[in-house]
Each structure stands twice: as structure tokens, then as C-alpha cells.
């Protein structure tokens, strides 16, 4: 079984783009997170996905999962303070 772990708990501070974390910015009208999740969902090489996000972004992530029909999610877990903590 192959599990993809997607780290999406950052705030994009290096981008300096504002209050919205970069994973929720839209490209072509679709959040960046949805683009990535859709690729994993369609990949025959990936059996399940673990999504790591900030606790306060969980509902937004769940909405994206539902809207884009992502079904391979095995778990949504809270990320750590720094990326290394999330890993």
C-alpha cells in the first residue's frame, strides 16, 4: 500500500501574500490544494492520502475534499508549529 502524505499546514510566510495560506490560493479558479489532491486521487500508484493541515483550516480542507470528490483521504491530522514538526 502506498500512502501520500501531503503537508498543507503552512501559512506561506515566505511568499508574503497576505492572510490566506498559499494552499488556498486559486489557480484557474481552483485552490492549489485541490489541484494537488486531484492528482493524487487520480494516481493509480497512490492508495491513500494523509492530509496534514492547521487545525483552524480543517473545515476549509474538508470542504475542498467534498467539492472535488477526493475519497482517498485516510486521515486529516494537525500540523506542527514548523514544517519539520509536521513531518
PDB file of N, CA and C in Angstrom:
ATOM      1  N   UNK A   1       0.844  -1.174   0.000  1.00  0.00           N
ATOM      2  CA  UNK A   1       0.000   0.000   0.000  1.00  0.00           C
ATOM      3  C   UNK A   1       0.893   1.242   0.000  1.00  0.00           C
ATOM      4  N   UNK A   2       0.547   2.203  -0.829  1.00  0.00           N
ATOM      5  CA  UNK A   2       1.296   3.454  -0.934  1.00  0.00           C
ATOM      6  C   UNK A   2       0.443   4.588  -0.367  1.00  0.00           C
ATOM      7  N   UNK A   3       1.032   5.309   0.575  1.00  0.00           N
ATOM      8  CA  UNK A   3       0.356   6.437   1.202  1.00  0.00           C
ATOM      9  C   UNK A   3       1.103   7.719   0.869  1.00  0.00           C
ATOM     10  N   UNK A   4       0.382   8.689   0.362  1.00  0.00           N
ATOM     11  CA  UNK A   4       0.949  10.019   0.124  1.00  0.00           C
ATOM     12  C   UNK A   4       0.643  10.872   1.350  1.00  0.00           C
ATOM     13  N   UNK A   5       1.647  11.552   1.847  1.00  0.00           N
ATOM     14  CA  UNK A   5       1.450  12.473   2.962  1.00  0.00           C
ATOM     15  C   UNK A   5       1.609  13.878   2.402  1.00  0.00           C
ATOM     16  N   UNK A   6       0.532  14.632   2.450  1.00  0.00           N
ATOM     17  CA  UNK A   6       0.531  15.979   1.889  1.00  0.00           C
ATOM     18  C   UNK A   6       0.600  16.999   3.015  1.00  0.00           C
ATOM     19  N   UNK A   7       1.711  17.725   3.064  1.00  0.00           N
ATOM     20  CA  UNK A   7       1.910  18.750   4.090  1.00  0.00           C
ATOM     21  C   UNK A   7       1.281  20.053   3.613  1.00  0.00           C
ATOM     22  N   UNK A   8       0.186  20.437   4.252  1.00  0.00           N
ATOM     23  CA  UNK A   8      -0.542  21.652   3.868  1.00  0.00           C
ATOM     24  C   UNK A   8      -0.885  22.455   5.114  1.00  0.00           C
ATOM     25  N   UNK A   9       0.054  22.526   6.043  1.00  0.00           N
ATOM     26  CA  UNK A   9      -0.191  23.224   7.304  1.00  0.00           C
ATOM     27  C   UNK A   9       0.498  24.576   7.372  1.00  0.00           C
ATOM     28  N   UNK A  10       1.142  24.967   6.282  1.00  0.00           N
ATOM     29  CA  UNK A  10       1.876  26.224   6.292  1.00  0.00           C
ATOM     30  C   UNK A  10       0.988  27.440   6.107  1.00  0.00           C
ATOM     31  N   UNK A  11       1.584  28.589   6.325  1.00  0.00           N
ATOM     32  CA  UNK A  11       0.855  29.850   6.155  1.00  0.00           C
ATOM     33  C   UNK A  11       1.420  30.663   4.996  1.00  0.00           C
ATOM     34  N   UNK A  12       2.462  30.174   4.351  1.00  0.00           N
ATOM     35  CA  UNK A  12       3.038  30.872   3.208  1.00  0.00           C
ATOM     36  C   UNK A  12       3.762  32.147   3.584  1.00  0.00           C
ATOM     37  N   UNK A  13       4.373  32.174   4.748  1.00  0.00           N
ATOM     38  CA  UNK A  13       5.024  33.397   5.231  1.00  0.00           C
ATOM     39  C   UNK A  13       6.147  33.863   4.306  1.00  0.00           C
ATOM     40  N   UNK A  14       6.838  32.954   3.655  1.00  0.00           N
ATOM     41  CA  UNK A  14       7.924  33.356   2.747  1.00  0.00           C
ATOM     42  C   UNK A  14       7.386  34.039   1.497  1.00  0.00           C
ATOM     43  N   UNK A  15       6.149  33.725   1.123  1.00  0.00           N
ATOM     44  CA  UNK A  15       5.529  34.378  -0.030  1.00  0.00           C
ATOM     45  C   UNK A  15       5.082  35.793   0.299  1.00  0.00           C
ATOM     46  N   UNK A  16       4.709  36.015   1.556  1.00  0.00           N
ATOM     47  CA  UNK A  16       4.242  37.324   1.964  1.00  0.00           C
ATOM     48  C   UNK A  16       2.969  37.747   1.252  1.00  0.00           C
ATOM     49  N   UNK A  17       2.093  36.779   0.949  1.00  0.00           N
ATOM     50  CA  UNK A  17       0.916  37.065   0.138  1.00  0.00           C
ATOM     51  C   UNK A  17      -0.275  37.589   0.917  1.00  0.00           C
ATOM     52  N   UNK A  18      -0.240  37.565   2.216  1.00  0.00           N
ATOM     53  CA  UNK A  18      -1.376  38.077   2.979  1.00  0.00           C
ATOM     54  C   UNK A  18      -1.963  37.042   3.913  1.00  0.00           C
ATOM     55  N   UNK A  19      -3.205  37.239   4.310  1.00  0.00           N
ATOM     56  CA  UNK A  19      -3.800  36.393   5.346  1.00  0.00           C
ATOM     57  C   UNK A  19      -4.189  34.981   4.892  1.00  0.00           C
ATOM     58  N   UNK A  20      -4.311  34.746   3.590  1.00  0.00           N
ATOM     59  CA  UNK A  20      -4.742  33.440   3.099  1.00  0.00           C
ATOM     60  C   UNK A  20      -3.528  32.558   2.817  1.00  0.00           C
ATOM     61  N   UNK A  21      -3.435  31.389   3.473  1.00  0.00           N
ATOM     62  CA  UNK A  21      -2.307  30.482   3.197  1.00  0.00           C
ATOM     63  C   UNK A  21      -2.266  30.090   1.714  1.00  0.00           C
ATOM     64  N   UNK A  22      -1.065  29.917   1.174  1.00  0.00           N
ATOM     65  CA  UNK A  22      -0.913  29.701  -0.266  1.00  0.00           C
ATOM     66  C   UNK A  22      -1.646  28.468  -0.783  1.00  0.00           C
ATOM     67  N   UNK A  23      -1.829  27.430   0.037  1.00  0.00           N
ATOM     68  CA  UNK A  23      -2.533  26.241  -0.439  1.00  0.00           C
ATOM     69  C   UNK A  23      -3.995  26.516  -0.769  1.00  0.00           C
ATOM     70  N   UNK A  24      -4.513  27.646  -0.302  1.00  0.00           N
ATOM     71  CA  UNK A  24      -5.901  28.001  -0.587  1.00  0.00           C
ATOM     72  C   UNK A  24      -6.029  29.063  -1.680  1.00  0.00           C
ATOM     73  N   UNK A  25      -4.893  29.567  -2.175  1.00  0.00           N
ATOM     74  CA  UNK A  25      -4.930  30.497  -3.297  1.00  0.00           C
ATOM     75  C   UNK A  25      -5.404  29.747  -4.535  1.00  0.00           C
ATOM     76  N   UNK A  26      -6.115  30.437  -5.402  1.00  0.00           N
ATOM     77  CA  UNK A  26      -6.671  29.775  -6.584  1.00  0.00           C
ATOM     78  C   UNK A  26      -5.802  29.976  -7.816  1.00  0.00           C
ATOM     79  N   UNK A  27      -5.699  28.929  -8.587  1.00  0.00           N
ATOM     80  CA  UNK A  27      -5.066  28.944  -9.896  1.00  0.00           C
ATOM     81  C   UNK A  27      -6.122  28.404 -10.850  1.00  0.00           C
ATOM     82  N   UNK A  28      -6.522  29.210 -11.798  1.00  0.00           N
ATOM     83  CA  UNK A  28      -7.580  28.786 -12.711  1.00  0.00           C
ATOM     84  C   UNK A  28      -8.900  28.570 -11.998  1.00  0.00           C
ATOM     85  N   UNK A  29      -9.128  29.311 -10.924  1.00  0.00           N
ATOM     86  CA  UNK A  29     -10.379  29.209 -10.185  1.00  0.00           C
ATOM     87  C   UNK A  29     -10.451  28.036  -9.218  1.00  0.00           C
ATOM     88  N   UNK A  30      -9.339  27.307  -9.062  1.00  0.00           N
ATOM     89  CA  UNK A  30      -9.308  26.119  -8.194  1.00  0.00           C
ATOM     90  C   UNK A  30      -8.177  26.288  -7.177  1.00  0.00           C
ATOM     91  N   UNK A  31      -8.443  26.019  -5.883  1.00  0.00           N
ATOM     92  CA  UNK A  31      -7.378  26.135  -4.883  1.00  0.00           C
ATOM     93  C   UNK A  31      -6.187  25.220  -5.204  1.00  0.00           C
ATOM     94  N   UNK A  32      -4.987  25.710  -4.926  1.00  0.00           N
ATOM     95  CA  UNK A  32      -3.774  24.921  -5.170  1.00  0.00           C
ATOM     96  C   UNK A  32      -3.874  23.561  -4.488  1.00  0.00           C
ATOM     97  N   UNK A  33      -4.415  23.527  -3.276  1.00  0.00           N
ATOM     98  CA  UNK A  33      -4.573  22.266  -2.558  1.00  0.00           C
ATOM     99  C   UNK A  33      -5.426  21.281  -3.355  1.00  0.00           C
ATOM    100  N   UNK A  34      -6.492  21.760  -3.970  1.00  0.00           N
ATOM    101  CA  UNK A  34      -7.369  20.886  -4.756  1.00  0.00           C
ATOM    102  C   UNK A  34      -6.643  20.341  -5.984  1.00  0.00           C
ATOM    103  N   UNK A  35      -5.819  21.168  -6.620  1.00  0.00           N
ATOM    104  CA  UNK A  35      -5.037  20.691  -7.772  1.00  0.00           C
ATOM    105  C   UNK A  35      -4.172  19.501  -7.364  1.00  0.00           C
ATOM    106  N   UNK A  36      -3.474  19.632  -6.241  1.00  0.00           N
ATOM    107  CA  UNK A  36      -2.580  18.568  -5.776  1.00  0.00           C
ATOM    108  C   UNK A  36      -3.357  17.327  -5.372  1.00  0.00           C
ATOM    109  N   UNK A  37      -4.404  17.515  -4.583  1.00  0.00           N
ATOM    110  CA  UNK A  37      -5.204  16.372  -4.142  1.00  0.00           C
ATOM    111  C   UNK A  37      -5.819  15.619  -5.318  1.00  0.00           C
ATOM    112  N   UNK A  38      -6.257  16.346  -6.328  1.00  0.00           N
ATOM    113  CA  UNK A  38      -6.850  15.704  -7.506  1.00  0.00           C
ATOM    114  C   UNK A  38      -5.829  14.834  -8.223  1.00  0.00           C
ATOM    115  N   UNK A  39      -4.588  15.297  -8.301  1.00  0.00           N
ATOM    116  CA  UNK A  39      -3.540  14.483  -8.941  1.00  0.00           C
ATOM    117  C   UNK A  39      -3.315  13.191  -8.165  1.00  0.00           C
ATOM    118  N   UNK A  40      -3.251  13.306  -6.844  1.00  0.00           N
ATOM    119  CA  UNK A  40      -3.079  12.115  -6.009  1.00  0.00           C
ATOM    120  C   UNK A  40      -4.285  11.191  -6.127  1.00  0.00           C
ATOM    121  N   UNK A  41      -5.461  11.749  -6.148  1.00  0.00           N
ATOM    122  CA  UNK A  41      -6.699  10.965  -6.247  1.00  0.00           C
ATOM    123  C   UNK A  41      -6.722  10.143  -7.535  1.00  0.00           C
ATOM    124  N   UNK A  42      -6.249  10.730  -8.607  1.00  0.00           N
ATOM    125  CA  UNK A  42      -6.284  10.068  -9.921  1.00  0.00           C
ATOM    126  C   UNK A  42      -5.129   9.105 -10.148  1.00  0.00           C
ATOM    127  N   UNK A  43      -4.127   9.156  -9.306  1.00  0.00           N
ATOM    128  CA  UNK A  43      -2.947   8.319  -9.494  1.00  0.00           C
ATOM    129  C   UNK A  43      -3.215   6.877  -9.053  1.00  0.00           C
ATOM    130  N   UNK A  44      -2.982   5.955  -9.945  1.00  0.00           N
ATOM    131  CA  UNK A  44      -3.129   4.540  -9.618  1.00  0.00           C
ATOM    132  C   UNK A  44      -2.027   4.079  -8.665  1.00  0.00           C
ATOM    133  N   UNK A  45      -0.939   4.842  -8.584  1.00  0.00           N
ATOM    134  CA  UNK A  45       0.189   4.476  -7.722  1.00  0.00           C
ATOM    135  C   UNK A  45      -0.047   4.842  -6.260  1.00  0.00           C
ATOM    136  N   UNK A  46      -1.050   5.660  -5.981  1.00  0.00           N
ATOM    137  CA  UNK A  46      -1.321   6.110  -4.612  1.00  0.00           C
ATOM    138  C   UNK A  46      -2.639   5.506  -4.132  1.00  0.00           C
ATOM    139  N   UNK A  47      -2.554   4.799  -2.996  1.00  0.00           N
ATOM    140  CA  UNK A  47      -3.734   4.136  -2.449  1.00  0.00           C
ATOM    141  C   UNK A  47      -4.507   5.006  -1.467  1.00  0.00           C
ATOM    142  N   UNK A  48      -3.783   5.823  -0.720  1.00  0.00           N
ATOM    143  CA  UNK A  48      -4.447   6.668   0.267  1.00  0.00           C
ATOM    144  C   UNK A  48      -3.628   7.929   0.506  1.00  0.00           C
ATOM    145  N   UNK A  49      -4.298   8.921   1.082  1.00  0.00           N
ATOM    146  CA  UNK A  49      -3.672  10.218   1.327  1.00  0.00           C
ATOM    147  C   UNK A  49      -3.868  10.591   2.794  1.00  0.00           C
ATOM    148  N   UNK A  50      -2.794  11.058   3.406  1.00  0.00           N
ATOM    149  CA  UNK A  50      -2.893  11.670   4.733  1.00  0.00           C
ATOM    150  C   UNK A  50      -2.651  13.155   4.524  1.00  0.00           C
ATOM    151  N   UNK A  51      -3.597  13.961   4.940  1.00  0.00           N
ATOM    152  CA  UNK A  51      -3.513  15.406   4.782  1.00  0.00           C
ATOM    153  C   UNK A  51      -3.138  16.036   6.116  1.00  0.00           C
ATOM    154  N   UNK A  52      -2.051  16.801   6.115  1.00  0.00           N
ATOM    155  CA  UNK A  52      -1.588  17.493   7.319  1.00  0.00           C
ATOM    156  C   UNK A  52      -1.920  18.971   7.121  1.00  0.00           C
ATOM    157  N   UNK A  53      -2.712  19.519   8.027  1.00  0.00           N
ATOM    158  CA  UNK A  53      -3.131  20.910   7.908  1.00  0.00           C
ATOM    159  C   UNK A  53      -3.216  21.555   9.285  1.00  0.00           C
ATOM    160  N   UNK A  54      -3.365  22.856   9.311  1.00  0.00           N
ATOM    161  CA  UNK A  54      -3.569  23.541  10.596  1.00  0.00           C
ATOM    162  C   UNK A  54      -4.974  23.214  11.089  1.00  0.00           C
ATOM    163  N   UNK A  55      -5.114  23.078  12.391  1.00  0.00           N
ATOM    164  CA  UNK A  55      -6.417  22.757  12.967  1.00  0.00           C
ATOM    165  C   UNK A  55      -7.477  23.763  12.519  1.00  0.00           C
ATOM    166  N   UNK A  56      -7.110  25.044  12.465  1.00  0.00           N
ATOM    167  CA  UNK A  56      -8.084  26.067  12.101  1.00  0.00           C
ATOM    168  C   UNK A  56      -8.456  26.024  10.615  1.00  0.00           C
ATOM    169  N   UNK A  57      -7.722  25.267   9.799  1.00  0.00           N
ATOM    170  CA  UNK A  57      -8.033  25.133   8.376  1.00  0.00           C
ATOM    171  C   UNK A  57      -8.730  23.821   8.037  1.00  0.00           C
ATOM    172  N   UNK A  58      -8.977  23.005   9.034  1.00  0.00           N
ATOM    173  CA  UNK A  58      -9.566  21.686   8.795  1.00  0.00           C
ATOM    174  C   UNK A  58     -10.903  21.762   8.055  1.00  0.00           C
ATOM    175  N   UNK A  59     -11.788  22.627   8.495  1.00  0.00           N
ATOM    176  CA  UNK A  59     -13.106  22.732   7.849  1.00  0.00           C
ATOM    177  C   UNK A  59     -12.971  23.156   6.387  1.00  0.00           C
ATOM    178  N   UNK A  60     -12.072  24.089   6.126  1.00  0.00           N
ATOM    179  CA  UNK A  60     -11.848  24.525   4.744  1.00  0.00           C
ATOM    180  C   UNK A  60     -11.324  23.364   3.902  1.00  0.00           C
ATOM    181  N   UNK A  61     -10.421  22.568   4.464  1.00  0.00           N
ATOM    182  CA  UNK A  61      -9.895  21.397   3.756  1.00  0.00           C
ATOM    183  C   UNK A  61     -10.998  20.374   3.499  1.00  0.00           C
ATOM    184  N   UNK A  62     -11.827  20.135   4.494  1.00  0.00           N
ATOM    185  CA  UNK A  62     -12.932  19.180   4.323  1.00  0.00           C
ATOM    186  C   UNK A  62     -13.882  19.635   3.218  1.00  0.00           C
ATOM    187  N   UNK A  63     -14.092  20.938   3.119  1.00  0.00           N
ATOM    188  CA  UNK A  63     -14.946  21.478   2.068  1.00  0.00           C
ATOM    189  C   UNK A  63     -14.318  21.226   0.693  1.00  0.00           C
ATOM    190  N   UNK A  64     -13.018  21.450   0.580  1.00  0.00           N
ATOM    191  CA  UNK A  64     -12.316  21.197  -0.679  1.00  0.00           C
ATOM    192  C   UNK A  64     -12.396  19.715  -1.046  1.00  0.00           C
ATOM    193  N   UNK A  65     -12.209  18.844  -0.053  1.00  0.00           N
ATOM    194  CA  UNK A  65     -12.301  17.392  -0.305  1.00  0.00           C
ATOM    195  C   UNK A  65     -13.661  17.028  -0.862  1.00  0.00           C
ATOM    196  N   UNK A  66     -14.715  17.577  -0.283  1.00  0.00           N
ATOM    197  CA  UNK A  66     -16.072  17.275  -0.725  1.00  0.00           C
ATOM    198  C   UNK A  66     -16.341  17.843  -2.125  1.00  0.00           C
ATOM    199  N   UNK A  67     -15.961  19.091  -2.330  1.00  0.00           N
ATOM    200  CA  UNK A  67     -16.225  19.748  -3.619  1.00  0.00           C
ATOM    201  C   UNK A  67     -15.507  19.069  -4.779  1.00  0.00           C
ATOM    202  N   UNK A  68     -14.334  18.515  -4.508  1.00  0.00           N
ATOM    203  CA  UNK A  68     -13.528  17.914  -5.571  1.00  0.00           C
ATOM    204  C   UNK A  68     -13.548  16.388  -5.528  1.00  0.00           C
ATOM    205  N   UNK A  69     -14.451  15.846  -4.717  1.00  0.00           N
ATOM    206  CA  UNK A  69     -14.694  14.402  -4.642  1.00  0.00           C
ATOM    207  C   UNK A  69     -13.407  13.612  -4.406  1.00  0.00           C
ATOM    208  N   UNK A  70     -12.664  14.024  -3.388  1.00  0.00           N
ATOM    209  CA  UNK A  70     -11.434  13.337  -3.011  1.00  0.00           C
ATOM    210  C   UNK A  70     -11.806  12.263  -1.991  1.00  0.00           C
ATOM    211  N   UNK A  71     -11.634  11.017  -2.356  1.00  0.00           N
ATOM    212  CA  UNK A  71     -12.075   9.910  -1.493  1.00  0.00           C
ATOM    213  C   UNK A  71     -10.930   9.097  -0.891  1.00  0.00           C
ATOM    214  N   UNK A  72      -9.715   9.326  -1.321  1.00  0.00           N
ATOM    215  CA  UNK A  72      -8.584   8.536  -0.827  1.00  0.00           C
ATOM    216  C   UNK A  72      -8.042   9.025   0.513  1.00  0.00           C
ATOM    217  N   UNK A  73      -8.679  10.007   1.125  1.00  0.00           N
ATOM    218  CA  UNK A  73      -8.192  10.551   2.386  1.00  0.00           C
ATOM    219  C   UNK A  73      -8.336   9.504   3.491  1.00  0.00           C
ATOM    220  N   UNK A  74      -7.216   9.114   4.079  1.00  0.00           N
ATOM    221  CA  UNK A  74      -7.226   8.161   5.192  1.00  0.00           C
ATOM    222  C   UNK A  74      -7.313   8.895   6.525  1.00  0.00           C
ATOM    223  N   UNK A  75      -6.754  10.118   6.566  1.00  0.00           N
ATOM    224  CA  UNK A  75      -6.757  10.894   7.806  1.00  0.00           C
ATOM    225  C   UNK A  75      -6.428  12.343   7.494  1.00  0.00           C
ATOM    226  N   UNK A  76      -6.961  13.211   8.337  1.00  0.00           N
ATOM    227  CA  UNK A  76      -6.572  14.619   8.344  1.00  0.00           C
ATOM    228  C   UNK A  76      -6.002  14.865   9.725  1.00  0.00           C
ATOM    229  N   UNK A  77      -4.745  15.279   9.764  1.00  0.00           N
ATOM    230  CA  UNK A  77      -4.110  15.485  11.069  1.00  0.00           C
ATOM    231  C   UNK A  77      -3.584  16.911  11.186  1.00  0.00           C
ATOM    232  N   UNK A  78      -3.472  17.371  12.414  1.00  0.00           N
ATOM    233  CA  UNK A  78      -2.988  18.722  12.681  1.00  0.00           C
ATOM    234  C   UNK A  78      -1.477  18.780  12.526  1.00  0.00           C
ATOM    235  N   UNK A  79      -1.016  19.806  11.829  1.00  0.00           N
ATOM    236  CA  UNK A  79       0.408  20.011  11.647  1.00  0.00           C
ATOM    237  C   UNK A  79       1.050  20.643  12.852  1.00  0.00           C
ATOM    238  N   UNK A  80       2.362  20.629  12.866  1.00  0.00           N
ATOM    239  CA  UNK A  80       3.107  21.225  13.961  1.00  0.00           C
ATOM    240  C   UNK A  80       3.395  22.691  13.717  1.00  0.00           C
ATOM    241  N   UNK A  81       4.098  23.291  14.646  1.00  0.00           N
ATOM    242  CA  UNK A  81       4.409  24.715  14.561  1.00  0.00           C
ATOM    243  C   UNK A  81       5.280  25.010  13.341  1.00  0.00           C
ATOM    244  N   UNK A  82       6.241  24.161  13.086  1.00  0.00           N
ATOM    245  CA  UNK A  82       7.148  24.320  11.932  1.00  0.00           C
ATOM    246  C   UNK A  82       6.970  23.118  11.008  1.00  0.00           C
ATOM    247  N   UNK A  83       7.381  23.263   9.749  1.00  0.00           N
ATOM    248  CA  UNK A  83       7.237  22.175   8.778  1.00  0.00           C
ATOM    249  C   UNK A  83       7.890  20.882   9.288  1.00  0.00           C
ATOM    250  N   UNK A  84       9.063  20.994   9.893  1.00  0.00           N
ATOM    251  CA  UNK A  84       9.755  19.807  10.399  1.00  0.00           C
ATOM    252  C   UNK A  84       8.927  19.105  11.468  1.00  0.00           C
ATOM    253  N   UNK A  85       8.134  19.852  12.223  1.00  0.00           N
ATOM    254  CA  UNK A  85       7.276  19.251  13.236  1.00  0.00           C
ATOM    255  C   UNK A  85       6.127  18.480  12.582  1.00  0.00           C
ATOM    256  N   UNK A  86       5.633  19.005  11.476  1.00  0.00           N
ATOM    257  CA  UNK A  86       4.553  18.336  10.754  1.00  0.00           C
ATOM    258  C   UNK A  86       5.042  17.025  10.145  1.00  0.00           C
ATOM    259  N   UNK A  87       6.263  17.057   9.616  1.00  0.00           N
ATOM    260  CA  UNK A  87       6.829  15.851   9.014  1.00  0.00           C
ATOM    261  C   UNK A  87       7.003  14.799  10.090  1.00  0.00           C
TER     262      UNK A  87
END
